[in-house]
């Protein structure tokens, strides 16, 4: 009997704040069942709800038992792919979630540390995206909404279960960007970025030494 292929978990979110599409889910769903660098990809849609997102994430982790897990979310207004560096242990919701909850100044995990860093080779990913002419950058904040909550919980699980993990934000789709008078990115380019990000994560032993910092 052959051993099953190692797995990659990709997650995106349901639409929120009045939108009918969430680009993060649209970008990752196309990879469900595909094979990248000898790894079987499974994609899971997470609810944009503080009370439901983490249970859904934990169920997915138990089911998939990934070697690599990357969560994707929407950062409307950003101009390109944002490779997130750090998740912080705080929820401070500017808007209610899809269940109407709006927690303010509460921790993601009461017993957790102040922050977790991504364990993805984000600088190598940045270089690969730039070589493919995909707008991208290193982000120093994943916000304080459900995206950061999932990012933090994912890194907490990765630390204890020993798999590589991180978080990536995508911008609006062009039709959304037009309504919001903000930058956008075609879905095909987002999906190209997802493929590059996963492949680099699976095939890069150490991260590149490139500047990705910010002055402010």
N, C-alpha and C. Protein backbone atom coordinates (compact mmCIF):
# COMPACT_ATOMS: atom_id res chain seq x y z
N UNK A 1 0.85 -1.20 0.00
CA UNK A 1 0.00 0.00 0.00
C UNK A 1 0.88 1.24 0.00
N UNK A 2 0.63 2.18 -0.90
CA UNK A 2 1.44 3.39 -0.97
C UNK A 2 0.99 4.39 0.08
N UNK A 3 1.96 5.18 0.53
CA UNK A 3 1.65 6.22 1.51
C UNK A 3 0.91 7.36 0.83
N UNK A 4 -0.08 7.96 1.49
CA UNK A 4 -0.77 9.10 0.89
C UNK A 4 0.16 10.29 0.75
N UNK A 5 -0.12 11.13 -0.22
CA UNK A 5 0.70 12.32 -0.42
C UNK A 5 0.60 13.24 0.78
N UNK A 6 1.70 13.91 1.14
CA UNK A 6 1.59 14.94 2.17
C UNK A 6 0.66 16.04 1.70
N UNK A 7 0.10 16.76 2.63
CA UNK A 7 -0.96 17.70 2.28
C UNK A 7 -0.61 19.15 2.60
N UNK A 8 -1.28 20.04 1.87
CA UNK A 8 -1.23 21.48 2.09
C UNK A 8 -2.66 21.95 2.35
N UNK A 9 -2.85 22.74 3.39
CA UNK A 9 -4.15 23.34 3.67
C UNK A 9 -4.12 24.81 3.27
N UNK A 10 -5.07 25.20 2.43
CA UNK A 10 -5.27 26.60 2.08
C UNK A 10 -6.66 27.00 2.55
N UNK A 11 -6.75 28.15 3.20
CA UNK A 11 -8.06 28.64 3.63
C UNK A 11 -8.31 30.04 3.07
N UNK A 12 -9.59 30.32 2.81
CA UNK A 12 -10.05 31.65 2.46
C UNK A 12 -11.28 31.94 3.30
N UNK A 13 -11.85 33.12 3.13
CA UNK A 13 -12.98 33.54 3.96
C UNK A 13 -14.25 33.74 3.14
N UNK A 14 -15.37 33.65 3.84
CA UNK A 14 -16.65 34.01 3.26
C UNK A 14 -16.70 35.53 3.05
N UNK A 15 -17.60 35.99 2.18
CA UNK A 15 -17.77 37.44 2.02
C UNK A 15 -18.23 38.10 3.33
N UNK A 16 -17.91 39.37 3.49
CA UNK A 16 -18.32 40.11 4.69
C UNK A 16 -18.51 41.57 4.34
N UNK A 17 -19.08 42.30 5.27
CA UNK A 17 -19.28 43.74 5.14
C UNK A 17 -20.04 44.11 3.87
N UNK A 18 -21.06 43.33 3.54
CA UNK A 18 -21.91 43.65 2.41
C UNK A 18 -21.45 43.15 1.06
N UNK A 19 -20.27 42.55 0.97
CA UNK A 19 -19.78 42.05 -0.31
C UNK A 19 -20.41 40.69 -0.63
N UNK A 20 -20.47 40.36 -1.91
CA UNK A 20 -21.02 39.07 -2.32
C UNK A 20 -19.93 38.06 -2.66
N UNK A 21 -18.69 38.53 -2.77
CA UNK A 21 -17.55 37.67 -3.03
C UNK A 21 -16.41 38.04 -2.08
N UNK A 22 -15.64 37.05 -1.69
CA UNK A 22 -14.39 37.32 -0.98
C UNK A 22 -13.26 36.80 -1.85
N UNK A 23 -12.40 37.69 -2.35
CA UNK A 23 -11.33 37.26 -3.26
C UNK A 23 -10.42 36.19 -2.68
N UNK A 24 -10.27 36.16 -1.36
CA UNK A 24 -9.38 35.16 -0.76
C UNK A 24 -9.88 33.75 -1.04
N UNK A 25 -11.18 33.52 -0.92
CA UNK A 25 -11.73 32.19 -1.21
C UNK A 25 -11.73 31.92 -2.71
N UNK A 26 -12.05 32.93 -3.50
CA UNK A 26 -12.03 32.75 -4.95
C UNK A 26 -10.63 32.38 -5.44
N UNK A 27 -9.62 32.90 -4.78
CA UNK A 27 -8.24 32.65 -5.19
C UNK A 27 -7.76 31.25 -4.83
N UNK A 28 -8.20 30.71 -3.69
CA UNK A 28 -7.66 29.41 -3.24
C UNK A 28 -8.53 28.23 -3.63
N UNK A 29 -9.81 28.45 -3.87
CA UNK A 29 -10.71 27.32 -4.11
C UNK A 29 -10.33 26.53 -5.36
N UNK A 30 -9.71 27.20 -6.33
CA UNK A 30 -9.32 26.53 -7.58
C UNK A 30 -8.23 25.50 -7.36
N UNK A 31 -7.56 25.55 -6.22
CA UNK A 31 -6.44 24.63 -5.97
C UNK A 31 -6.87 23.37 -5.22
N UNK A 32 -8.12 23.32 -4.81
CA UNK A 32 -8.59 22.16 -4.05
C UNK A 32 -8.45 20.89 -4.89
N UNK A 33 -7.74 19.90 -4.35
CA UNK A 33 -7.53 18.63 -5.04
C UNK A 33 -6.34 18.60 -5.98
N UNK A 34 -5.70 19.72 -6.18
CA UNK A 34 -4.54 19.76 -7.08
C UNK A 34 -3.28 19.29 -6.36
N UNK A 35 -2.24 19.05 -7.12
CA UNK A 35 -0.96 18.60 -6.59
C UNK A 35 0.10 19.65 -6.90
N UNK A 36 0.82 20.08 -5.88
CA UNK A 36 1.91 21.04 -6.05
C UNK A 36 3.14 20.48 -5.36
N UNK A 37 4.20 20.30 -6.11
CA UNK A 37 5.47 19.81 -5.57
C UNK A 37 5.29 18.55 -4.73
N UNK A 38 4.46 17.63 -5.25
CA UNK A 38 4.26 16.35 -4.58
C UNK A 38 3.33 16.40 -3.39
N UNK A 39 2.64 17.51 -3.19
CA UNK A 39 1.72 17.68 -2.07
C UNK A 39 0.29 17.87 -2.59
N UNK A 40 -0.64 17.21 -1.94
CA UNK A 40 -2.04 17.34 -2.29
C UNK A 40 -2.62 18.55 -1.57
N UNK A 41 -3.29 19.41 -2.31
CA UNK A 41 -3.83 20.66 -1.75
C UNK A 41 -5.30 20.46 -1.39
N UNK A 42 -5.67 20.94 -0.22
CA UNK A 42 -7.07 20.96 0.19
C UNK A 42 -7.41 22.40 0.58
N UNK A 43 -8.53 22.89 0.06
CA UNK A 43 -8.96 24.27 0.32
C UNK A 43 -10.23 24.25 1.17
N UNK A 44 -10.27 25.14 2.16
CA UNK A 44 -11.40 25.22 3.08
C UNK A 44 -11.81 26.68 3.23
N UNK A 45 -13.12 26.93 3.16
CA UNK A 45 -13.65 28.27 3.35
C UNK A 45 -14.01 28.46 4.82
N UNK A 46 -13.47 29.51 5.43
CA UNK A 46 -13.74 29.81 6.84
C UNK A 46 -14.79 30.90 6.96
N UNK A 47 -15.65 30.82 7.97
CA UNK A 47 -16.64 31.89 8.17
C UNK A 47 -15.98 33.15 8.71
N UNK A 48 -16.45 34.29 8.26
CA UNK A 48 -15.94 35.57 8.78
C UNK A 48 -16.73 35.91 10.04
N UNK A 49 -16.48 35.09 11.05
CA UNK A 49 -17.15 35.23 12.34
C UNK A 49 -16.15 34.87 13.45
N UNK A 50 -16.02 35.74 14.43
CA UNK A 50 -15.08 35.48 15.51
C UNK A 50 -15.39 34.18 16.25
N UNK A 51 -16.68 33.89 16.43
CA UNK A 51 -17.04 32.71 17.19
C UNK A 51 -16.94 31.41 16.43
N UNK A 52 -16.96 31.48 15.11
CA UNK A 52 -16.99 30.26 14.29
C UNK A 52 -15.71 30.00 13.52
N UNK A 53 -14.88 31.01 13.31
CA UNK A 53 -13.70 30.84 12.46
C UNK A 53 -12.70 29.86 13.05
N UNK A 54 -12.41 29.98 14.33
CA UNK A 54 -11.39 29.11 14.93
C UNK A 54 -11.84 27.66 15.03
N UNK A 55 -13.09 27.38 15.44
CA UNK A 55 -13.53 25.98 15.38
C UNK A 55 -13.43 25.39 13.98
N UNK A 56 -13.78 26.17 12.96
CA UNK A 56 -13.68 25.68 11.58
C UNK A 56 -12.24 25.43 11.19
N UNK A 57 -11.35 26.33 11.60
CA UNK A 57 -9.91 26.14 11.33
C UNK A 57 -9.40 24.87 12.01
N UNK A 58 -9.76 24.68 13.25
CA UNK A 58 -9.28 23.50 13.98
C UNK A 58 -9.81 22.21 13.39
N UNK A 59 -11.06 22.21 12.93
CA UNK A 59 -11.60 21.02 12.26
C UNK A 59 -10.81 20.73 10.99
N UNK A 60 -10.49 21.77 10.23
CA UNK A 60 -9.74 21.58 9.00
C UNK A 60 -8.35 21.02 9.29
N UNK A 61 -7.70 21.52 10.33
CA UNK A 61 -6.37 21.04 10.67
C UNK A 61 -6.42 19.57 11.10
N UNK A 62 -7.44 19.19 11.84
CA UNK A 62 -7.57 17.78 12.26
C UNK A 62 -7.82 16.88 11.05
N UNK A 63 -8.61 17.36 10.11
CA UNK A 63 -8.96 16.56 8.94
C UNK A 63 -7.79 16.43 7.97
N UNK A 64 -7.15 17.55 7.69
CA UNK A 64 -6.11 17.59 6.67
C UNK A 64 -4.75 17.13 7.19
N UNK A 65 -4.45 17.46 8.44
CA UNK A 65 -3.13 17.17 9.03
C UNK A 65 -2.02 17.63 8.08
N UNK A 66 -1.96 18.94 7.83
CA UNK A 66 -1.07 19.45 6.77
C UNK A 66 0.39 19.49 7.17
N UNK A 67 1.21 19.47 6.15
CA UNK A 67 2.63 19.77 6.31
C UNK A 67 2.87 21.27 6.18
N UNK A 68 1.96 21.92 5.45
CA UNK A 68 2.01 23.36 5.24
C UNK A 68 0.59 23.88 5.27
N UNK A 69 0.36 25.00 5.96
CA UNK A 69 -0.96 25.63 5.99
C UNK A 69 -0.80 27.12 5.78
N UNK A 70 -1.55 27.66 4.81
CA UNK A 70 -1.51 29.09 4.53
C UNK A 70 -2.94 29.60 4.50
N UNK A 71 -3.23 30.57 5.34
CA UNK A 71 -4.55 31.20 5.35
C UNK A 71 -4.48 32.47 4.50
N UNK A 72 -5.54 32.70 3.75
CA UNK A 72 -5.64 33.88 2.90
C UNK A 72 -6.85 34.70 3.32
N UNK A 73 -6.70 36.02 3.24
CA UNK A 73 -7.80 36.91 3.58
C UNK A 73 -7.78 38.14 2.69
N UNK A 74 -8.82 38.93 2.81
CA UNK A 74 -8.96 40.15 2.01
C UNK A 74 -8.48 41.37 2.79
N UNK A 75 -7.63 42.17 2.15
CA UNK A 75 -7.25 43.47 2.68
C UNK A 75 -7.63 44.50 1.63
N UNK A 76 -8.91 44.87 1.61
CA UNK A 76 -9.39 45.82 0.64
C UNK A 76 -8.70 47.16 0.77
N UNK A 77 -8.22 47.70 -0.34
CA UNK A 77 -7.49 48.96 -0.33
C UNK A 77 -6.00 48.79 -0.56
N UNK A 78 -5.48 47.61 -0.27
CA UNK A 78 -4.06 47.37 -0.55
C UNK A 78 -3.88 47.13 -2.05
N UNK A 79 -2.69 47.44 -2.54
CA UNK A 79 -2.46 47.43 -3.98
C UNK A 79 -1.99 46.09 -4.52
N UNK A 80 -1.58 45.16 -3.66
CA UNK A 80 -1.05 43.90 -4.16
C UNK A 80 -1.15 42.82 -3.11
N UNK A 81 -0.41 41.75 -3.35
CA UNK A 81 -0.34 40.63 -2.42
C UNK A 81 0.46 41.05 -1.19
N UNK A 82 -0.10 40.82 -0.01
CA UNK A 82 0.58 41.18 1.24
C UNK A 82 0.99 39.91 1.97
N UNK A 83 2.28 39.68 2.06
CA UNK A 83 2.84 38.54 2.79
C UNK A 83 3.00 38.96 4.24
N UNK A 84 2.16 38.42 5.10
CA UNK A 84 2.12 38.89 6.49
C UNK A 84 3.27 38.31 7.31
N UNK A 85 3.88 39.19 8.11
CA UNK A 85 5.02 38.78 8.92
C UNK A 85 4.63 38.33 10.33
N UNK A 86 3.65 39.04 10.95
CA UNK A 86 3.40 38.80 12.38
C UNK A 86 1.91 38.83 12.70
N UNK A 87 1.50 37.92 13.56
CA UNK A 87 0.14 37.88 14.10
C UNK A 87 0.19 38.31 15.55
N UNK A 88 -0.74 39.17 15.98
CA UNK A 88 -0.73 39.66 17.35
C UNK A 88 -1.94 39.13 18.12
N UNK A 89 -1.76 39.02 19.41
CA UNK A 89 -2.78 38.40 20.26
C UNK A 89 -3.80 39.43 20.74
N UNK A 90 -4.52 40.01 19.77
CA UNK A 90 -5.55 40.97 20.13
C UNK A 90 -6.62 40.98 19.05
N UNK A 91 -7.87 41.14 19.47
CA UNK A 91 -9.00 41.38 18.58
C UNK A 91 -9.56 42.75 18.93
N UNK A 92 -9.68 43.59 17.92
CA UNK A 92 -10.25 44.93 18.10
C UNK A 92 -11.02 45.24 16.82
N UNK A 93 -12.29 44.85 16.80
CA UNK A 93 -13.07 44.85 15.56
C UNK A 93 -13.61 46.24 15.24
N UNK A 94 -13.22 46.78 14.09
CA UNK A 94 -13.73 48.08 13.65
C UNK A 94 -15.17 47.97 13.17
N UNK A 95 -15.50 46.80 12.59
CA UNK A 95 -16.87 46.54 12.12
C UNK A 95 -17.34 45.21 12.68
N UNK A 96 -18.65 44.99 12.78
CA UNK A 96 -19.14 43.69 13.23
C UNK A 96 -18.80 42.59 12.23
N UNK A 97 -18.70 41.36 12.74
CA UNK A 97 -18.50 40.22 11.86
C UNK A 97 -19.84 39.79 11.27
N UNK A 98 -19.86 38.68 10.55
CA UNK A 98 -21.09 38.25 9.88
C UNK A 98 -22.18 37.78 10.85
N UNK A 99 -21.81 37.56 12.10
CA UNK A 99 -22.80 37.18 13.11
C UNK A 99 -23.20 38.37 13.98
N UNK A 100 -22.68 39.55 13.65
CA UNK A 100 -23.00 40.74 14.40
C UNK A 100 -22.12 40.99 15.60
N UNK A 101 -21.11 40.16 15.82
CA UNK A 101 -20.21 40.33 16.96
C UNK A 101 -19.15 41.38 16.65
N UNK A 102 -18.81 42.19 17.66
CA UNK A 102 -17.79 43.22 17.48
C UNK A 102 -16.94 43.31 18.76
N UNK A 103 -16.14 42.28 19.04
CA UNK A 103 -15.30 42.32 20.25
C UNK A 103 -14.24 43.40 20.15
N UNK A 104 -13.95 44.01 21.30
CA UNK A 104 -12.97 45.10 21.35
C UNK A 104 -11.95 44.81 22.44
N UNK A 105 -10.68 44.85 22.06
CA UNK A 105 -9.56 44.72 23.00
C UNK A 105 -9.63 43.45 23.83
N UNK A 106 -9.83 42.33 23.15
CA UNK A 106 -9.77 41.03 23.82
C UNK A 106 -8.70 40.18 23.14
N UNK A 107 -8.09 39.25 23.85
CA UNK A 107 -7.05 38.42 23.23
C UNK A 107 -7.64 37.35 22.33
N UNK A 108 -6.86 36.92 21.37
CA UNK A 108 -7.25 35.77 20.56
C UNK A 108 -7.25 34.53 21.44
N UNK A 109 -6.15 34.34 22.18
CA UNK A 109 -6.00 33.22 23.12
C UNK A 109 -5.48 33.78 24.44
N UNK A 110 -6.21 33.58 25.49
CA UNK A 110 -5.85 34.19 26.77
C UNK A 110 -4.49 33.72 27.29
N UNK A 111 -4.13 32.49 27.00
CA UNK A 111 -2.86 31.97 27.51
C UNK A 111 -1.73 32.10 26.50
N UNK A 112 -1.98 32.77 25.38
CA UNK A 112 -0.98 32.83 24.32
C UNK A 112 0.01 33.96 24.48
N UNK A 113 1.15 33.89 23.78
CA UNK A 113 2.12 34.98 23.80
C UNK A 113 1.61 36.21 23.07
N UNK A 114 2.35 37.29 23.17
CA UNK A 114 1.93 38.55 22.55
C UNK A 114 1.80 38.42 21.03
N UNK A 115 2.69 37.66 20.42
CA UNK A 115 2.68 37.58 18.95
C UNK A 115 3.35 36.30 18.48
N UNK A 116 3.06 35.96 17.24
CA UNK A 116 3.74 34.87 16.54
C UNK A 116 4.22 35.40 15.19
N UNK A 117 5.39 34.93 14.76
CA UNK A 117 5.88 35.25 13.44
C UNK A 117 5.53 34.14 12.46
N UNK A 118 5.25 34.52 11.23
CA UNK A 118 5.08 33.54 10.16
C UNK A 118 6.31 32.67 10.05
N UNK A 119 6.13 31.41 9.72
CA UNK A 119 7.27 30.52 9.46
C UNK A 119 7.44 30.25 7.97
N UNK A 120 6.76 31.03 7.15
CA UNK A 120 6.92 30.91 5.70
C UNK A 120 8.16 31.69 5.23
N UNK A 121 8.76 31.28 4.13
CA UNK A 121 9.89 32.04 3.56
C UNK A 121 9.36 33.26 2.80
N UNK A 122 8.91 34.25 3.55
CA UNK A 122 8.18 35.36 2.92
C UNK A 122 9.06 36.21 2.00
N UNK A 123 10.35 36.31 2.29
CA UNK A 123 11.22 37.09 1.41
C UNK A 123 11.44 36.36 0.08
N UNK A 124 11.62 35.05 0.14
CA UNK A 124 11.76 34.27 -1.08
C UNK A 124 10.46 34.31 -1.89
N UNK A 125 9.34 34.29 -1.20
CA UNK A 125 8.05 34.42 -1.88
C UNK A 125 7.94 35.77 -2.58
N UNK A 126 8.34 36.83 -1.87
CA UNK A 126 8.29 38.17 -2.44
C UNK A 126 9.12 38.25 -3.72
N UNK A 127 10.33 37.71 -3.67
CA UNK A 127 11.19 37.74 -4.85
C UNK A 127 10.56 36.98 -6.01
N UNK A 128 9.96 35.83 -5.73
CA UNK A 128 9.34 35.04 -6.79
C UNK A 128 8.13 35.76 -7.39
N UNK A 129 7.35 36.40 -6.56
CA UNK A 129 6.20 37.15 -7.07
C UNK A 129 6.66 38.32 -7.93
N UNK A 130 7.68 39.01 -7.47
CA UNK A 130 8.19 40.15 -8.23
C UNK A 130 8.77 39.72 -9.57
N UNK A 131 9.41 38.56 -9.60
CA UNK A 131 9.93 38.06 -10.88
C UNK A 131 8.80 37.77 -11.86
N UNK A 132 7.63 37.48 -11.35
CA UNK A 132 6.48 37.23 -12.21
C UNK A 132 5.63 38.48 -12.42
N UNK A 133 6.18 39.64 -12.03
CA UNK A 133 5.50 40.94 -12.21
C UNK A 133 4.15 40.99 -11.50
N UNK A 134 4.07 40.36 -10.34
CA UNK A 134 2.87 40.41 -9.51
C UNK A 134 3.12 41.40 -8.38
N UNK A 135 2.32 42.46 -8.26
CA UNK A 135 2.52 43.42 -7.17
C UNK A 135 2.43 42.73 -5.81
N UNK A 136 3.44 42.95 -4.98
CA UNK A 136 3.49 42.26 -3.69
C UNK A 136 4.42 43.00 -2.74
N UNK A 137 4.25 42.74 -1.46
CA UNK A 137 5.11 43.33 -0.45
C UNK A 137 4.99 42.57 0.85
N UNK A 138 5.93 42.83 1.75
CA UNK A 138 5.89 42.28 3.10
C UNK A 138 5.04 43.23 3.95
N UNK A 139 4.08 42.69 4.67
CA UNK A 139 3.23 43.49 5.54
C UNK A 139 3.59 43.22 7.00
N UNK A 140 3.64 44.30 7.78
CA UNK A 140 3.99 44.17 9.19
C UNK A 140 2.76 44.06 10.10
N UNK A 141 1.57 44.12 9.53
CA UNK A 141 0.35 43.98 10.33
C UNK A 141 -0.74 43.30 9.53
N UNK A 142 -1.38 42.33 10.16
CA UNK A 142 -2.52 41.65 9.55
C UNK A 142 -3.83 42.19 10.10
N UNK A 143 -3.78 43.37 10.72
CA UNK A 143 -4.97 43.99 11.28
C UNK A 143 -5.35 43.39 12.63
N UNK A 144 -6.58 43.66 13.05
CA UNK A 144 -7.07 43.13 14.33
C UNK A 144 -8.48 42.55 14.19
N UNK A 145 -8.77 42.11 12.96
CA UNK A 145 -10.10 41.57 12.66
C UNK A 145 -10.00 40.04 12.59
N UNK A 146 -10.91 39.38 11.90
CA UNK A 146 -10.93 37.92 11.87
C UNK A 146 -9.70 37.34 11.18
N UNK A 147 -9.15 38.06 10.21
CA UNK A 147 -7.93 37.60 9.54
C UNK A 147 -6.80 37.40 10.54
N UNK A 148 -6.54 38.40 11.36
CA UNK A 148 -5.48 38.28 12.35
C UNK A 148 -5.80 37.21 13.38
N UNK A 149 -7.07 37.10 13.77
CA UNK A 149 -7.47 36.06 14.71
C UNK A 149 -7.10 34.67 14.18
N UNK A 150 -7.44 34.41 12.92
CA UNK A 150 -7.12 33.12 12.30
C UNK A 150 -5.62 32.94 12.15
N UNK A 151 -4.92 33.99 11.73
CA UNK A 151 -3.47 33.94 11.59
C UNK A 151 -2.82 33.56 12.92
N UNK A 152 -3.23 34.22 13.99
CA UNK A 152 -2.64 33.94 15.30
C UNK A 152 -2.94 32.50 15.74
N UNK A 153 -4.18 32.09 15.62
CA UNK A 153 -4.55 30.74 16.03
C UNK A 153 -3.84 29.69 15.18
N UNK A 154 -3.69 29.97 13.89
CA UNK A 154 -2.97 29.04 13.01
C UNK A 154 -1.52 28.89 13.45
N UNK A 155 -0.86 30.00 13.76
CA UNK A 155 0.53 29.92 14.19
C UNK A 155 0.66 29.23 15.54
N UNK A 156 -0.32 29.41 16.41
CA UNK A 156 -0.32 28.72 17.70
C UNK A 156 -0.40 27.21 17.47
N UNK A 157 -1.29 26.80 16.57
CA UNK A 157 -1.41 25.38 16.26
C UNK A 157 -0.15 24.85 15.58
N UNK A 158 0.42 25.63 14.67
CA UNK A 158 1.62 25.20 13.95
C UNK A 158 2.79 24.99 14.90
N UNK A 159 2.88 25.84 15.91
CA UNK A 159 3.98 25.71 16.88
C UNK A 159 3.88 24.39 17.62
N UNK A 160 2.68 23.97 17.96
CA UNK A 160 2.50 22.75 18.74
C UNK A 160 2.43 21.50 17.89
N UNK A 161 1.95 21.64 16.65
CA UNK A 161 1.82 20.47 15.77
C UNK A 161 2.95 20.37 14.76
N UNK A 162 3.79 21.37 14.71
CA UNK A 162 5.03 21.36 13.93
C UNK A 162 4.79 21.24 12.43
N UNK A 163 4.11 22.23 11.90
CA UNK A 163 4.02 22.39 10.45
C UNK A 163 4.30 23.85 10.13
N UNK A 164 4.65 24.13 8.89
CA UNK A 164 4.92 25.50 8.46
C UNK A 164 3.61 26.21 8.17
N UNK A 165 3.55 27.49 8.49
CA UNK A 165 2.29 28.21 8.32
C UNK A 165 2.50 29.70 8.21
N UNK A 166 1.46 30.37 7.71
CA UNK A 166 1.49 31.82 7.62
C UNK A 166 0.20 32.34 7.03
N UNK A 167 0.21 33.64 6.74
CA UNK A 167 -1.00 34.32 6.27
C UNK A 167 -0.65 35.26 5.13
N UNK A 168 -1.57 35.34 4.17
CA UNK A 168 -1.40 36.22 3.00
C UNK A 168 -2.70 36.98 2.78
N UNK A 169 -2.59 38.29 2.58
CA UNK A 169 -3.74 39.10 2.21
C UNK A 169 -3.74 39.37 0.71
N UNK A 170 -4.93 39.38 0.14
CA UNK A 170 -5.09 39.73 -1.28
C UNK A 170 -5.94 40.99 -1.36
N UNK A 171 -5.84 41.74 -2.47
CA UNK A 171 -6.64 42.97 -2.63
C UNK A 171 -8.02 42.67 -3.20
N UNK A 172 -8.77 43.74 -3.46
CA UNK A 172 -10.06 43.61 -4.11
C UNK A 172 -9.92 43.00 -5.51
N UNK A 173 -10.96 42.33 -5.96
CA UNK A 173 -11.09 42.02 -7.38
C UNK A 173 -11.40 43.32 -8.13
N UNK A 174 -11.13 43.38 -9.43
CA UNK A 174 -11.32 44.64 -10.17
C UNK A 174 -12.72 45.23 -10.04
N UNK A 175 -13.76 44.38 -10.09
CA UNK A 175 -15.12 44.91 -10.00
C UNK A 175 -15.41 45.51 -8.62
N UNK A 176 -14.80 44.95 -7.58
CA UNK A 176 -14.94 45.50 -6.24
C UNK A 176 -14.12 46.78 -6.11
N UNK A 177 -12.92 46.74 -6.66
CA UNK A 177 -12.02 47.89 -6.57
C UNK A 177 -12.66 49.13 -7.20
N UNK A 178 -13.37 48.95 -8.29
CA UNK A 178 -14.03 50.07 -8.95
C UNK A 178 -15.06 50.72 -8.03
N UNK A 179 -15.84 49.88 -7.35
CA UNK A 179 -16.85 50.42 -6.44
C UNK A 179 -16.23 51.15 -5.26
N UNK A 180 -15.08 50.69 -4.82
CA UNK A 180 -14.44 51.27 -3.64
C UNK A 180 -13.39 52.33 -3.99
N UNK A 181 -13.21 52.60 -5.28
CA UNK A 181 -12.18 53.55 -5.73
C UNK A 181 -10.82 53.19 -5.10
N UNK A 182 -10.45 51.92 -5.24
CA UNK A 182 -9.24 51.41 -4.62
C UNK A 182 -8.53 50.48 -5.60
N UNK A 183 -7.28 50.11 -5.32
CA UNK A 183 -6.57 49.18 -6.20
C UNK A 183 -7.22 47.80 -6.21
N UNK A 184 -7.02 47.08 -7.29
CA UNK A 184 -7.55 45.73 -7.40
C UNK A 184 -6.59 44.84 -8.16
N UNK A 185 -6.95 43.56 -8.27
CA UNK A 185 -6.11 42.59 -8.97
C UNK A 185 -7.01 41.55 -9.63
N UNK A 186 -6.76 41.20 -10.89
CA UNK A 186 -7.57 40.18 -11.55
C UNK A 186 -7.45 38.83 -10.83
N UNK A 187 -8.52 38.07 -10.85
CA UNK A 187 -8.53 36.78 -10.18
C UNK A 187 -7.44 35.85 -10.71
N UNK A 188 -7.23 35.85 -12.01
CA UNK A 188 -6.21 34.97 -12.59
C UNK A 188 -4.83 35.29 -12.03
N UNK A 189 -4.55 36.58 -11.81
CA UNK A 189 -3.26 36.95 -11.25
C UNK A 189 -3.15 36.56 -9.78
N UNK A 190 -4.27 36.69 -9.05
CA UNK A 190 -4.27 36.22 -7.66
C UNK A 190 -3.99 34.72 -7.60
N UNK A 191 -4.63 33.98 -8.47
CA UNK A 191 -4.43 32.53 -8.46
C UNK A 191 -3.01 32.17 -8.86
N UNK A 192 -2.45 32.91 -9.78
CA UNK A 192 -1.04 32.71 -10.13
C UNK A 192 -0.17 32.94 -8.89
N UNK A 193 -0.49 33.98 -8.12
CA UNK A 193 0.27 34.29 -6.91
C UNK A 193 0.15 33.17 -5.89
N UNK A 194 -1.06 32.63 -5.72
CA UNK A 194 -1.24 31.52 -4.78
C UNK A 194 -0.36 30.34 -5.16
N UNK A 195 -0.35 29.99 -6.43
CA UNK A 195 0.48 28.88 -6.87
C UNK A 195 1.96 29.11 -6.60
N UNK A 196 2.43 30.33 -6.86
CA UNK A 196 3.83 30.66 -6.60
C UNK A 196 4.13 30.57 -5.12
N UNK A 197 3.27 31.13 -4.31
CA UNK A 197 3.47 31.15 -2.86
C UNK A 197 3.57 29.73 -2.30
N UNK A 198 2.65 28.87 -2.71
CA UNK A 198 2.68 27.49 -2.20
C UNK A 198 3.93 26.76 -2.67
N UNK A 199 4.26 26.91 -3.94
CA UNK A 199 5.42 26.20 -4.47
C UNK A 199 6.71 26.67 -3.78
N UNK A 200 6.85 27.96 -3.59
CA UNK A 200 8.05 28.47 -2.90
C UNK A 200 8.11 27.94 -1.47
N UNK A 201 6.98 27.93 -0.79
CA UNK A 201 6.95 27.44 0.59
C UNK A 201 7.37 25.99 0.67
N UNK A 202 7.02 25.20 -0.34
CA UNK A 202 7.32 23.77 -0.32
C UNK A 202 8.72 23.44 -0.79
N UNK A 203 9.35 24.34 -1.51
CA UNK A 203 10.63 24.01 -2.14
C UNK A 203 11.79 24.86 -1.66
N UNK A 204 11.55 25.76 -0.71
CA UNK A 204 12.60 26.66 -0.23
C UNK A 204 13.05 26.24 1.16
N UNK A 205 14.33 25.91 1.29
CA UNK A 205 14.86 25.43 2.57
C UNK A 205 15.08 26.58 3.55
N UNK A 206 15.55 27.71 3.05
CA UNK A 206 15.81 28.87 3.91
C UNK A 206 15.36 30.13 3.22
N UNK A 207 15.02 31.14 3.99
CA UNK A 207 14.48 32.35 3.38
C UNK A 207 15.59 33.19 2.76
N UNK A 208 15.20 34.03 1.81
CA UNK A 208 16.14 34.96 1.18
C UNK A 208 16.45 36.12 2.12
N UNK A 209 17.60 36.72 1.95
CA UNK A 209 18.00 37.88 2.75
C UNK A 209 17.76 39.14 1.90
N UNK A 210 16.54 39.65 1.98
CA UNK A 210 16.13 40.82 1.22
C UNK A 210 15.44 41.79 2.13
N UNK A 211 15.51 43.08 1.82
CA UNK A 211 14.81 44.06 2.62
C UNK A 211 13.33 43.98 2.37
N UNK A 212 12.57 43.92 3.44
CA UNK A 212 11.12 43.94 3.34
C UNK A 212 10.50 44.74 4.46
N UNK A 213 11.33 45.58 5.07
CA UNK A 213 10.90 46.33 6.23
C UNK A 213 10.17 47.61 5.87
N UNK A 214 9.77 48.33 6.88
CA UNK A 214 9.06 49.59 6.71
C UNK A 214 9.62 50.63 7.68
N UNK A 215 9.68 51.88 7.24
CA UNK A 215 10.15 52.96 8.09
C UNK A 215 9.09 53.32 9.14
N UNK A 216 7.83 53.26 8.73
CA UNK A 216 6.75 53.59 9.66
C UNK A 216 5.54 52.72 9.37
